[in-house]
Amino acid sequence: MRKLMMSSGHLEEIAQKRFSEHIEVVDRSRDSLTSIVVEAGKILAKALQQERTVFWAGNGGSAADSQHLAAELVGRFKHDRKALRSIALTTDSSILTCVSNDYSYDDIFSRQIEALGRKGDVFVGISTSGGSRNILRALHAAREIGVHTIAMLGKGGGKATRVADCSIVIPSDSTARIQETHILVGHILCEVIETELGFG
């Protein structure tokens, strides 16, 4: 198969355009989301201060973000401090495949919330569309047992905005730009948490 090669100039144009798109989305997010991100960070900090657990979940790249952010709390973000109770619901292959096989893929996170969640915990659902069925079911399951809910979303927020207690909707329709901004928001949440808990 013949391999087509793009000129360096064309590839640089693509790269510059993506950098510009990223900066534009981050600027819009800063202008519209700062207060809600700080509010979400305070919710997380309060739960962790009370020895509650923060659960994270998402699909695909958002699953990776869930694991990344859970690790920032269990390990460290900017400061050496005690470990914080944080779990990504995307990591146990036996649970994920069992629930998918015996019930439905839509139930892989809600079943874990039902099993592990307790009143006062926080569930953070990450979905670029706001329409992921397994995230929506987990949000509903969390609310039923008194688990606070935060949704990190994009593309207008979708159905999740009607379920989550706190919705952080990235102002973009590009999955890549939304995911990039989600991890930025996640890092800001971690810094708010450490600062609120007196580690900053």
N, C-alpha and C. Protein backbone atom coordinates (compact mmCIF):
# COMPACT_ATOMS: atom_id res chain seq x y z
N MET A 1 0.84 -1.17 0.00
CA MET A 1 0.00 0.00 0.00
C MET A 1 0.89 1.24 0.00
N ARG A 2 0.59 2.15 -0.90
CA ARG A 2 1.41 3.35 -1.02
C ARG A 2 1.19 4.27 0.18
N LYS A 3 2.27 4.72 0.74
CA LYS A 3 2.20 5.57 1.91
C LYS A 3 2.20 7.04 1.48
N LEU A 4 1.21 7.76 1.91
CA LEU A 4 1.12 9.18 1.59
C LEU A 4 1.77 9.99 2.70
N MET A 5 2.63 10.90 2.31
CA MET A 5 3.33 11.74 3.29
C MET A 5 2.89 13.19 3.13
N MET A 6 2.54 13.80 4.23
CA MET A 6 2.18 15.21 4.22
C MET A 6 3.43 16.06 4.34
N SER A 7 3.40 17.25 3.81
CA SER A 7 4.54 18.15 3.94
C SER A 7 4.63 18.63 5.38
N SER A 8 5.85 18.97 5.80
CA SER A 8 6.05 19.46 7.17
C SER A 8 5.23 20.72 7.42
N GLY A 9 5.14 21.57 6.38
CA GLY A 9 4.38 22.81 6.54
C GLY A 9 2.92 22.55 6.83
N HIS A 10 2.34 21.56 6.14
CA HIS A 10 0.92 21.23 6.37
C HIS A 10 0.72 20.65 7.77
N LEU A 11 1.63 19.81 8.20
CA LEU A 11 1.52 19.20 9.53
C LEU A 11 1.69 20.26 10.62
N GLU A 12 2.59 21.20 10.42
CA GLU A 12 2.75 22.28 11.39
C GLU A 12 1.50 23.14 11.47
N GLU A 13 0.84 23.33 10.34
CA GLU A 13 -0.42 24.08 10.32
C GLU A 13 -1.48 23.38 11.15
N ILE A 14 -1.55 22.04 11.00
CA ILE A 14 -2.49 21.26 11.80
C ILE A 14 -2.19 21.41 13.29
N ALA A 15 -0.90 21.27 13.64
CA ALA A 15 -0.50 21.35 15.04
C ALA A 15 -0.82 22.72 15.63
N GLN A 16 -0.52 23.78 14.89
CA GLN A 16 -0.81 25.13 15.38
C GLN A 16 -2.30 25.35 15.56
N LYS A 17 -3.10 24.81 14.65
CA LYS A 17 -4.55 24.95 14.77
C LYS A 17 -5.05 24.26 16.03
N ARG A 18 -4.54 23.08 16.32
CA ARG A 18 -4.98 22.35 17.52
C ARG A 18 -4.55 23.07 18.80
N PHE A 19 -3.32 23.63 18.79
CA PHE A 19 -2.89 24.43 19.94
C PHE A 19 -3.84 25.60 20.15
N SER A 20 -4.20 26.27 19.07
CA SER A 20 -5.09 27.43 19.17
C SER A 20 -6.47 27.02 19.67
N GLU A 21 -6.98 25.90 19.17
CA GLU A 21 -8.28 25.41 19.64
C GLU A 21 -8.24 25.12 21.14
N HIS A 22 -7.16 24.48 21.58
CA HIS A 22 -7.01 24.14 22.99
C HIS A 22 -7.01 25.40 23.85
N ILE A 23 -6.23 26.39 23.45
CA ILE A 23 -6.15 27.64 24.20
C ILE A 23 -7.50 28.32 24.26
N GLU A 24 -8.23 28.30 23.15
CA GLU A 24 -9.55 28.94 23.11
C GLU A 24 -10.52 28.27 24.08
N VAL A 25 -10.51 26.93 24.09
CA VAL A 25 -11.42 26.20 24.98
C VAL A 25 -11.04 26.44 26.44
N VAL A 26 -9.75 26.43 26.73
CA VAL A 26 -9.31 26.69 28.10
C VAL A 26 -9.69 28.10 28.53
N ASP A 27 -9.52 29.07 27.65
CA ASP A 27 -9.91 30.45 27.98
C ASP A 27 -11.41 30.55 28.28
N ARG A 28 -12.23 29.91 27.44
CA ARG A 28 -13.68 29.95 27.67
C ARG A 28 -14.03 29.24 28.97
N SER A 29 -13.35 28.14 29.24
CA SER A 29 -13.61 27.40 30.48
C SER A 29 -13.24 28.22 31.70
N ARG A 30 -12.10 28.89 31.63
CA ARG A 30 -11.68 29.75 32.74
C ARG A 30 -12.74 30.83 33.01
N ASP A 31 -13.24 31.43 31.95
CA ASP A 31 -14.19 32.53 32.11
C ASP A 31 -15.54 32.08 32.64
N SER A 32 -15.95 30.85 32.30
CA SER A 32 -17.31 30.41 32.65
C SER A 32 -17.37 29.39 33.79
N LEU A 33 -16.26 28.75 34.11
CA LEU A 33 -16.33 27.61 35.03
C LEU A 33 -15.55 27.76 36.33
N THR A 34 -14.83 28.85 36.50
CA THR A 34 -13.98 28.97 37.69
C THR A 34 -14.76 28.76 38.98
N SER A 35 -15.89 29.41 39.12
CA SER A 35 -16.67 29.31 40.37
C SER A 35 -17.18 27.90 40.61
N ILE A 36 -17.68 27.24 39.57
CA ILE A 36 -18.23 25.90 39.75
C ILE A 36 -17.12 24.88 40.03
N VAL A 37 -15.93 25.09 39.46
CA VAL A 37 -14.80 24.20 39.74
C VAL A 37 -14.38 24.34 41.19
N VAL A 38 -14.32 25.56 41.69
CA VAL A 38 -13.97 25.78 43.10
C VAL A 38 -15.03 25.17 44.00
N GLU A 39 -16.30 25.33 43.64
CA GLU A 39 -17.38 24.72 44.43
C GLU A 39 -17.23 23.21 44.50
N ALA A 40 -16.94 22.59 43.34
CA ALA A 40 -16.75 21.14 43.29
C ALA A 40 -15.56 20.73 44.15
N GLY A 41 -14.48 21.50 44.08
CA GLY A 41 -13.31 21.19 44.88
C GLY A 41 -13.60 21.23 46.37
N LYS A 42 -14.42 22.19 46.79
CA LYS A 42 -14.80 22.29 48.20
C LYS A 42 -15.66 21.10 48.63
N ILE A 43 -16.56 20.66 47.75
CA ILE A 43 -17.38 19.48 48.05
C ILE A 43 -16.48 18.27 48.27
N LEU A 44 -15.51 18.10 47.39
CA LEU A 44 -14.57 16.97 47.51
C LEU A 44 -13.74 17.09 48.78
N ALA A 45 -13.24 18.29 49.05
CA ALA A 45 -12.40 18.48 50.24
C ALA A 45 -13.17 18.19 51.52
N LYS A 46 -14.41 18.65 51.58
CA LYS A 46 -15.23 18.41 52.78
C LYS A 46 -15.45 16.92 53.00
N ALA A 47 -15.75 16.21 51.93
CA ALA A 47 -15.96 14.76 52.05
C ALA A 47 -14.69 14.06 52.54
N LEU A 48 -13.56 14.43 51.95
CA LEU A 48 -12.29 13.80 52.33
C LEU A 48 -11.91 14.16 53.76
N GLN A 49 -12.20 15.38 54.18
CA GLN A 49 -11.92 15.79 55.56
C GLN A 49 -12.71 14.93 56.55
N GLN A 50 -13.90 14.51 56.13
CA GLN A 50 -14.75 13.68 56.98
C GLN A 50 -14.50 12.19 56.78
N GLU A 51 -13.36 11.87 56.16
CA GLU A 51 -12.95 10.47 55.93
C GLU A 51 -13.92 9.72 55.03
N ARG A 52 -14.57 10.46 54.11
CA ARG A 52 -15.41 9.82 53.10
C ARG A 52 -14.56 9.45 51.89
N THR A 53 -15.17 8.81 50.91
CA THR A 53 -14.45 8.32 49.74
C THR A 53 -14.90 9.05 48.50
N VAL A 54 -13.96 9.35 47.61
CA VAL A 54 -14.27 9.92 46.30
C VAL A 54 -14.12 8.81 45.26
N PHE A 55 -15.19 8.56 44.53
CA PHE A 55 -15.20 7.57 43.46
C PHE A 55 -15.17 8.29 42.12
N TRP A 56 -14.43 7.72 41.16
CA TRP A 56 -14.32 8.30 39.83
C TRP A 56 -14.68 7.24 38.79
N ALA A 57 -15.30 7.65 37.69
CA ALA A 57 -15.58 6.70 36.61
C ALA A 57 -15.75 7.42 35.29
N GLY A 58 -15.43 6.71 34.21
CA GLY A 58 -15.60 7.21 32.86
C GLY A 58 -15.27 6.10 31.88
N ASN A 59 -15.47 6.34 30.63
CA ASN A 59 -15.21 5.35 29.58
C ASN A 59 -14.06 5.81 28.69
N GLY A 60 -13.27 4.86 28.22
CA GLY A 60 -12.19 5.20 27.30
C GLY A 60 -11.18 6.15 27.91
N GLY A 61 -10.95 7.29 27.23
CA GLY A 61 -10.03 8.28 27.77
C GLY A 61 -10.47 8.80 29.11
N SER A 62 -11.77 8.86 29.33
CA SER A 62 -12.29 9.32 30.62
C SER A 62 -12.04 8.29 31.72
N ALA A 63 -11.92 7.01 31.35
CA ALA A 63 -11.52 6.00 32.33
C ALA A 63 -10.09 6.24 32.76
N ALA A 64 -9.24 6.57 31.79
CA ALA A 64 -7.84 6.88 32.12
C ALA A 64 -7.76 8.11 33.01
N ASP A 65 -8.58 9.12 32.73
CA ASP A 65 -8.61 10.32 33.58
C ASP A 65 -9.06 9.96 35.00
N SER A 66 -10.03 9.07 35.11
CA SER A 66 -10.50 8.63 36.43
C SER A 66 -9.37 8.03 37.24
N GLN A 67 -8.62 7.15 36.61
CA GLN A 67 -7.51 6.51 37.30
C GLN A 67 -6.42 7.52 37.64
N HIS A 68 -6.13 8.42 36.73
CA HIS A 68 -5.13 9.46 36.95
C HIS A 68 -5.49 10.30 38.17
N LEU A 69 -6.74 10.77 38.24
CA LEU A 69 -7.14 11.67 39.31
C LEU A 69 -7.28 10.95 40.65
N ALA A 70 -7.74 9.71 40.62
CA ALA A 70 -7.77 8.93 41.86
C ALA A 70 -6.37 8.77 42.41
N ALA A 71 -5.42 8.53 41.52
CA ALA A 71 -4.02 8.35 41.95
C ALA A 71 -3.43 9.63 42.53
N GLU A 72 -3.84 10.79 42.02
CA GLU A 72 -3.32 12.05 42.55
C GLU A 72 -3.71 12.22 44.02
N LEU A 73 -4.88 11.67 44.40
CA LEU A 73 -5.34 11.82 45.78
C LEU A 73 -4.77 10.74 46.69
N VAL A 74 -4.70 9.52 46.21
CA VAL A 74 -4.14 8.45 47.03
C VAL A 74 -2.63 8.66 47.20
N GLY A 75 -1.98 9.08 46.13
CA GLY A 75 -0.55 9.36 46.19
C GLY A 75 -0.30 10.77 46.67
N ARG A 76 0.05 11.64 45.73
CA ARG A 76 0.23 13.05 46.06
C ARG A 76 -0.02 13.86 44.81
N PHE A 77 -0.43 15.11 44.99
CA PHE A 77 -0.52 16.03 43.87
C PHE A 77 0.67 16.98 43.93
N LYS A 78 0.59 18.02 44.74
CA LYS A 78 1.72 18.94 44.87
C LYS A 78 2.47 18.79 46.19
N HIS A 79 1.80 18.23 47.19
CA HIS A 79 2.37 18.25 48.54
C HIS A 79 2.42 16.86 49.15
N ASP A 80 3.45 16.61 49.93
CA ASP A 80 3.50 15.39 50.73
C ASP A 80 2.48 15.52 51.85
N ARG A 81 1.61 14.54 51.96
CA ARG A 81 0.56 14.58 52.97
C ARG A 81 -0.01 13.18 53.09
N LYS A 82 -0.97 13.00 53.99
CA LYS A 82 -1.57 11.69 54.18
C LYS A 82 -2.32 11.28 52.91
N ALA A 83 -2.47 10.00 52.70
CA ALA A 83 -3.24 9.49 51.57
C ALA A 83 -4.71 9.84 51.76
N LEU A 84 -5.39 10.15 50.66
CA LEU A 84 -6.80 10.49 50.70
C LEU A 84 -7.61 9.38 50.04
N ARG A 85 -8.82 9.14 50.56
CA ARG A 85 -9.64 8.01 50.13
C ARG A 85 -10.22 8.27 48.74
N SER A 86 -9.70 7.59 47.75
CA SER A 86 -10.11 7.84 46.37
C SER A 86 -9.96 6.56 45.56
N ILE A 87 -11.01 6.22 44.80
CA ILE A 87 -11.04 4.96 44.06
C ILE A 87 -11.57 5.20 42.65
N ALA A 88 -10.87 4.67 41.65
CA ALA A 88 -11.38 4.66 40.28
C ALA A 88 -12.16 3.36 40.09
N LEU A 89 -13.40 3.47 39.64
CA LEU A 89 -14.27 2.30 39.45
C LEU A 89 -14.03 1.62 38.10
N THR A 90 -12.94 1.94 37.45
CA THR A 90 -12.64 1.46 36.10
C THR A 90 -11.55 0.40 36.07
N THR A 91 -11.07 -0.02 37.24
CA THR A 91 -9.82 -0.79 37.27
C THR A 91 -9.97 -2.29 37.55
N ASP A 92 -11.07 -2.71 38.13
CA ASP A 92 -11.20 -4.12 38.51
C ASP A 92 -11.84 -4.90 37.37
N SER A 93 -11.00 -5.59 36.60
CA SER A 93 -11.49 -6.28 35.40
C SER A 93 -12.48 -7.39 35.74
N SER A 94 -12.34 -8.02 36.89
CA SER A 94 -13.27 -9.08 37.26
C SER A 94 -14.67 -8.53 37.51
N ILE A 95 -14.74 -7.40 38.24
CA ILE A 95 -16.04 -6.78 38.47
C ILE A 95 -16.63 -6.27 37.16
N LEU A 96 -15.84 -5.59 36.36
CA LEU A 96 -16.33 -5.02 35.11
C LEU A 96 -16.88 -6.10 34.18
N THR A 97 -16.16 -7.20 34.07
CA THR A 97 -16.62 -8.26 33.15
C THR A 97 -17.76 -9.07 33.75
N CYS A 98 -17.74 -9.27 35.05
CA CYS A 98 -18.84 -9.98 35.71
C CYS A 98 -20.16 -9.23 35.54
N VAL A 99 -20.14 -7.95 35.87
CA VAL A 99 -21.37 -7.16 35.79
C VAL A 99 -21.82 -7.01 34.34
N SER A 100 -20.86 -6.81 33.43
CA SER A 100 -21.22 -6.71 32.01
C SER A 100 -21.87 -7.99 31.51
N ASN A 101 -21.34 -9.12 31.95
CA ASN A 101 -21.83 -10.43 31.48
C ASN A 101 -23.16 -10.81 32.13
N ASP A 102 -23.26 -10.59 33.44
CA ASP A 102 -24.44 -11.04 34.17
C ASP A 102 -25.58 -10.03 34.16
N TYR A 103 -25.25 -8.77 34.00
CA TYR A 103 -26.26 -7.72 33.98
C TYR A 103 -26.18 -6.95 32.66
N SER A 104 -25.40 -5.88 32.66
CA SER A 104 -25.27 -5.05 31.46
C SER A 104 -24.06 -4.15 31.63
N TYR A 105 -23.44 -3.77 30.52
CA TYR A 105 -22.34 -2.81 30.57
C TYR A 105 -22.82 -1.49 31.18
N ASP A 106 -24.10 -1.20 31.03
CA ASP A 106 -24.65 0.02 31.60
C ASP A 106 -24.62 0.03 33.12
N ASP A 107 -24.42 -1.15 33.73
CA ASP A 107 -24.47 -1.27 35.19
C ASP A 107 -23.09 -1.37 35.85
N ILE A 108 -22.01 -1.27 35.07
CA ILE A 108 -20.68 -1.56 35.64
C ILE A 108 -20.27 -0.59 36.74
N PHE A 109 -20.74 0.63 36.69
CA PHE A 109 -20.38 1.59 37.74
C PHE A 109 -21.45 1.68 38.81
N SER A 110 -22.71 1.60 38.44
CA SER A 110 -23.78 1.72 39.44
C SER A 110 -23.73 0.57 40.44
N ARG A 111 -23.40 -0.64 39.99
CA ARG A 111 -23.29 -1.77 40.92
C ARG A 111 -22.18 -1.53 41.95
N GLN A 112 -21.09 -0.94 41.51
CA GLN A 112 -20.00 -0.66 42.43
C GLN A 112 -20.37 0.44 43.42
N ILE A 113 -21.10 1.44 42.94
CA ILE A 113 -21.58 2.48 43.84
C ILE A 113 -22.51 1.88 44.88
N GLU A 114 -23.41 1.00 44.45
CA GLU A 114 -24.33 0.35 45.39
C GLU A 114 -23.56 -0.46 46.43
N ALA A 115 -22.48 -1.11 46.01
CA ALA A 115 -21.72 -1.97 46.92
C ALA A 115 -20.81 -1.18 47.85
N LEU A 116 -20.18 -0.13 47.33
CA LEU A 116 -19.11 0.54 48.07
C LEU A 116 -19.49 1.92 48.60
N GLY A 117 -20.45 2.57 47.96
CA GLY A 117 -20.78 3.95 48.32
C GLY A 117 -21.53 4.05 49.64
N ARG A 118 -21.24 5.11 50.37
CA ARG A 118 -21.92 5.39 51.61
C ARG A 118 -22.32 6.86 51.64
N LYS A 119 -23.35 7.17 52.39
CA LYS A 119 -23.81 8.55 52.49
C LYS A 119 -22.66 9.47 52.85
N GLY A 120 -22.53 10.57 52.10
CA GLY A 120 -21.46 11.51 52.35
C GLY A 120 -20.26 11.34 51.45
N ASP A 121 -20.18 10.20 50.74
CA ASP A 121 -19.14 10.01 49.74
C ASP A 121 -19.42 10.92 48.54
N VAL A 122 -18.50 10.94 47.58
CA VAL A 122 -18.70 11.71 46.36
C VAL A 122 -18.41 10.82 45.16
N PHE A 123 -19.28 10.87 44.16
CA PHE A 123 -19.03 10.19 42.89
C PHE A 123 -18.80 11.24 41.82
N VAL A 124 -17.68 11.12 41.11
CA VAL A 124 -17.37 12.01 40.00
C VAL A 124 -17.49 11.20 38.71
N GLY A 125 -18.49 11.52 37.91
CA GLY A 125 -18.70 10.85 36.63
C GLY A 125 -18.15 11.71 35.50
N ILE A 126 -17.32 11.12 34.67
CA ILE A 126 -16.69 11.86 33.57
C ILE A 126 -17.24 11.34 32.24
N SER A 127 -17.83 12.23 31.46
CA SER A 127 -18.41 11.86 30.17
C SER A 127 -18.33 13.06 29.24
N THR A 128 -17.65 12.91 28.12
CA THR A 128 -17.52 14.05 27.21
C THR A 128 -18.87 14.47 26.63
N SER A 129 -19.81 13.52 26.52
CA SER A 129 -21.11 13.83 25.94
C SER A 129 -22.18 14.11 26.98
N GLY A 130 -21.98 13.59 28.19
CA GLY A 130 -23.02 13.68 29.21
C GLY A 130 -24.13 12.67 29.01
N GLY A 131 -23.94 11.75 28.05
CA GLY A 131 -24.99 10.78 27.76
C GLY A 131 -24.59 9.34 27.95
N SER A 132 -23.41 9.08 28.51
CA SER A 132 -22.97 7.69 28.74
C SER A 132 -23.92 7.01 29.71
N ARG A 133 -24.55 5.92 29.27
CA ARG A 133 -25.59 5.29 30.09
C ARG A 133 -25.04 4.76 31.41
N ASN A 134 -23.82 4.24 31.39
CA ASN A 134 -23.30 3.70 32.65
C ASN A 134 -22.96 4.82 33.65
N ILE A 135 -22.60 5.98 33.15
CA ILE A 135 -22.37 7.12 34.03
C ILE A 135 -23.71 7.64 34.57
N LEU A 136 -24.72 7.72 33.71
CA LEU A 136 -26.03 8.19 34.16
C LEU A 136 -26.61 7.27 35.23
N ARG A 137 -26.48 5.95 35.04
CA ARG A 137 -27.00 5.02 36.05
C ARG A 137 -26.23 5.15 37.35
N ALA A 138 -24.94 5.37 37.26
CA ALA A 138 -24.14 5.54 38.47
C ALA A 138 -24.53 6.82 39.20
N LEU A 139 -24.80 7.89 38.46
CA LEU A 139 -25.25 9.14 39.08
C LEU A 139 -26.57 8.94 39.82
N HIS A 140 -27.50 8.22 39.18
CA HIS A 140 -28.78 7.94 39.82
C HIS A 140 -28.58 7.08 41.07
N ALA A 141 -27.76 6.03 40.97
CA ALA A 141 -27.51 5.14 42.11
C ALA A 141 -26.89 5.90 43.27
N ALA A 142 -25.97 6.79 42.94
CA ALA A 142 -25.31 7.58 43.98
C ALA A 142 -26.30 8.46 44.72
N ARG A 143 -27.15 9.14 43.98
CA ARG A 143 -28.11 10.05 44.61
C ARG A 143 -29.08 9.29 45.51
N GLU A 144 -29.42 8.07 45.12
CA GLU A 144 -30.38 7.29 45.91
C GLU A 144 -29.84 6.93 47.29
N ILE A 145 -28.52 6.83 47.43
CA ILE A 145 -27.94 6.44 48.72
C ILE A 145 -27.25 7.61 49.43
N GLY A 146 -27.43 8.82 48.91
CA GLY A 146 -26.88 9.99 49.58
C GLY A 146 -25.44 10.29 49.27
N VAL A 147 -24.95 9.77 48.15
CA VAL A 147 -23.60 10.09 47.68
C VAL A 147 -23.68 11.35 46.83
N HIS A 148 -22.87 12.35 47.15
CA HIS A 148 -22.85 13.58 46.36
C HIS A 148 -22.35 13.27 44.94
N THR A 149 -22.84 14.01 43.96
CA THR A 149 -22.48 13.72 42.58
C THR A 149 -21.93 14.95 41.87
N ILE A 150 -20.81 14.75 41.21
CA ILE A 150 -20.19 15.77 40.37
C ILE A 150 -20.01 15.17 38.99
N ALA A 151 -20.37 15.91 37.95
CA ALA A 151 -20.20 15.42 36.58
C ALA A 151 -19.26 16.35 35.82
N MET A 152 -18.26 15.76 35.19
CA MET A 152 -17.35 16.50 34.30
C MET A 152 -17.76 16.15 32.88
N LEU A 153 -18.24 17.15 32.15
CA LEU A 153 -18.95 16.90 30.90
C LEU A 153 -18.43 17.78 29.77
N GLY A 154 -19.09 17.69 28.61
CA GLY A 154 -18.84 18.54 27.46
C GLY A 154 -20.06 18.50 26.55
N LYS A 155 -19.95 19.11 25.38
CA LYS A 155 -21.01 19.05 24.36
C LYS A 155 -22.38 19.45 24.92
N GLY A 156 -22.39 20.47 25.75
CA GLY A 156 -23.65 20.94 26.32
C GLY A 156 -24.07 20.25 27.59
N GLY A 157 -23.42 19.16 27.95
CA GLY A 157 -23.69 18.48 29.22
C GLY A 157 -24.62 17.30 29.13
N GLY A 158 -25.53 17.28 28.15
CA GLY A 158 -26.43 16.15 27.99
C GLY A 158 -27.32 15.89 29.20
N LYS A 159 -27.79 14.64 29.31
CA LYS A 159 -28.72 14.26 30.37
C LYS A 159 -28.10 14.34 31.76
N ALA A 160 -26.79 14.23 31.83
CA ALA A 160 -26.13 14.19 33.14
C ALA A 160 -26.35 15.48 33.93
N THR A 161 -26.54 16.59 33.25
CA THR A 161 -26.74 17.86 33.96
C THR A 161 -28.03 17.87 34.77
N ARG A 162 -28.98 17.00 34.38
CA ARG A 162 -30.25 16.93 35.10
C ARG A 162 -30.18 16.00 36.30
N VAL A 163 -29.07 15.29 36.43
CA VAL A 163 -28.94 14.31 37.50
C VAL A 163 -27.89 14.71 38.53
N ALA A 164 -26.77 15.23 38.06
CA ALA A 164 -25.65 15.54 38.95
C ALA A 164 -25.95 16.75 39.84
N ASP A 165 -25.42 16.72 41.06
CA ASP A 165 -25.55 17.87 41.96
C ASP A 165 -24.75 19.06 41.44
N CYS A 166 -23.62 18.77 40.82
CA CYS A 166 -22.71 19.80 40.35
C CYS A 166 -22.18 19.38 38.98
N SER A 167 -22.40 20.20 37.95
CA SER A 167 -21.97 19.85 36.59
C SER A 167 -20.92 20.84 36.10
N ILE A 168 -19.80 20.30 35.64
CA ILE A 168 -18.73 21.09 35.04
C ILE A 168 -18.73 20.78 33.55
N VAL A 169 -19.31 21.66 32.76
CA VAL A 169 -19.52 21.41 31.34
C VAL A 169 -18.50 22.22 30.54
N ILE A 170 -17.57 21.52 29.91
CA ILE A 170 -16.55 22.19 29.10
C ILE A 170 -17.23 22.75 27.85
N PRO A 171 -17.02 24.03 27.54
CA PRO A 171 -17.70 24.66 26.40
C PRO A 171 -17.06 24.31 25.06
N SER A 172 -17.25 23.06 24.65
CA SER A 172 -16.69 22.58 23.38
C SER A 172 -17.48 21.37 22.91
N ASP A 173 -17.46 21.14 21.60
CA ASP A 173 -18.05 19.93 21.01
C ASP A 173 -16.98 18.96 20.54
N SER A 174 -15.71 19.29 20.74
CA SER A 174 -14.60 18.43 20.32
C SER A 174 -14.20 17.51 21.46
N THR A 175 -14.31 16.20 21.23
CA THR A 175 -13.97 15.23 22.28
C THR A 175 -12.54 15.44 22.78
N ALA A 176 -11.61 15.63 21.87
CA ALA A 176 -10.21 15.80 22.27
C ALA A 176 -10.02 17.03 23.15
N ARG A 177 -10.61 18.15 22.74
CA ARG A 177 -10.45 19.38 23.53
C ARG A 177 -11.14 19.25 24.89
N ILE A 178 -12.29 18.57 24.92
CA ILE A 178 -12.99 18.35 26.19
C ILE A 178 -12.13 17.52 27.14
N GLN A 179 -11.57 16.43 26.62
CA GLN A 179 -10.74 15.56 27.46
C GLN A 179 -9.52 16.30 27.99
N GLU A 180 -8.90 17.10 27.14
CA GLU A 180 -7.74 17.87 27.58
C GLU A 180 -8.11 18.82 28.71
N THR A 181 -9.26 19.43 28.60
CA THR A 181 -9.68 20.40 29.62
C THR A 181 -10.16 19.69 30.87
N HIS A 182 -10.73 18.49 30.72
CA HIS A 182 -11.12 17.72 31.89
C HIS A 182 -9.92 17.46 32.79
N ILE A 183 -8.79 17.09 32.20
CA ILE A 183 -7.65 16.78 33.06
C ILE A 183 -7.10 18.04 33.71
N LEU A 184 -7.19 19.17 33.03
CA LEU A 184 -6.81 20.45 33.65
C LEU A 184 -7.73 20.74 34.83
N VAL A 185 -9.03 20.60 34.61
CA VAL A 185 -9.99 20.81 35.70
C VAL A 185 -9.71 19.85 36.85
N GLY A 186 -9.43 18.60 36.52
CA GLY A 186 -9.12 17.61 37.55
C GLY A 186 -7.92 18.01 38.39
N HIS A 187 -6.90 18.54 37.75
CA HIS A 187 -5.72 19.00 38.49
C HIS A 187 -6.05 20.20 39.37
N ILE A 188 -6.90 21.09 38.89
CA ILE A 188 -7.32 22.22 39.71
C ILE A 188 -8.10 21.72 40.93
N LEU A 189 -8.97 20.73 40.72
CA LEU A 189 -9.71 20.15 41.85
C LEU A 189 -8.75 19.59 42.89
N CYS A 190 -7.72 18.90 42.44
CA CYS A 190 -6.73 18.34 43.37
C CYS A 190 -6.04 19.44 44.16
N GLU A 191 -5.72 20.54 43.49
CA GLU A 191 -5.06 21.64 44.19
C GLU A 191 -6.00 22.31 45.17
N VAL A 192 -7.25 22.49 44.80
CA VAL A 192 -8.24 23.04 45.74
C VAL A 192 -8.36 22.14 46.96
N ILE A 193 -8.42 20.84 46.73
CA ILE A 193 -8.54 19.87 47.83
C ILE A 193 -7.36 20.00 48.78
N GLU A 194 -6.15 19.97 48.24
CA GLU A 194 -4.97 20.05 49.11
C GLU A 194 -4.93 21.38 49.87
N THR A 195 -5.31 22.45 49.22
CA THR A 195 -5.32 23.76 49.86
C THR A 195 -6.38 23.83 50.96
N GLU A 196 -7.59 23.36 50.66
CA GLU A 196 -8.68 23.37 51.64
C GLU A 196 -8.35 22.51 52.87
N LEU A 197 -7.62 21.43 52.65
CA LEU A 197 -7.28 20.52 53.75
C LEU A 197 -6.02 20.97 54.50
N GLY A 198 -5.47 22.10 54.08
CA GLY A 198 -4.34 22.67 54.82
C GLY A 198 -2.99 22.15 54.39
N PHE A 199 -2.93 21.51 53.23
CA PHE A 199 -1.64 20.99 52.76
C PHE A 199 -0.96 21.96 51.80
N GLY A 200 -1.69 22.96 51.30
CA GLY A 200 -1.15 23.87 50.32
C GLY A 200 -0.46 25.07 50.94
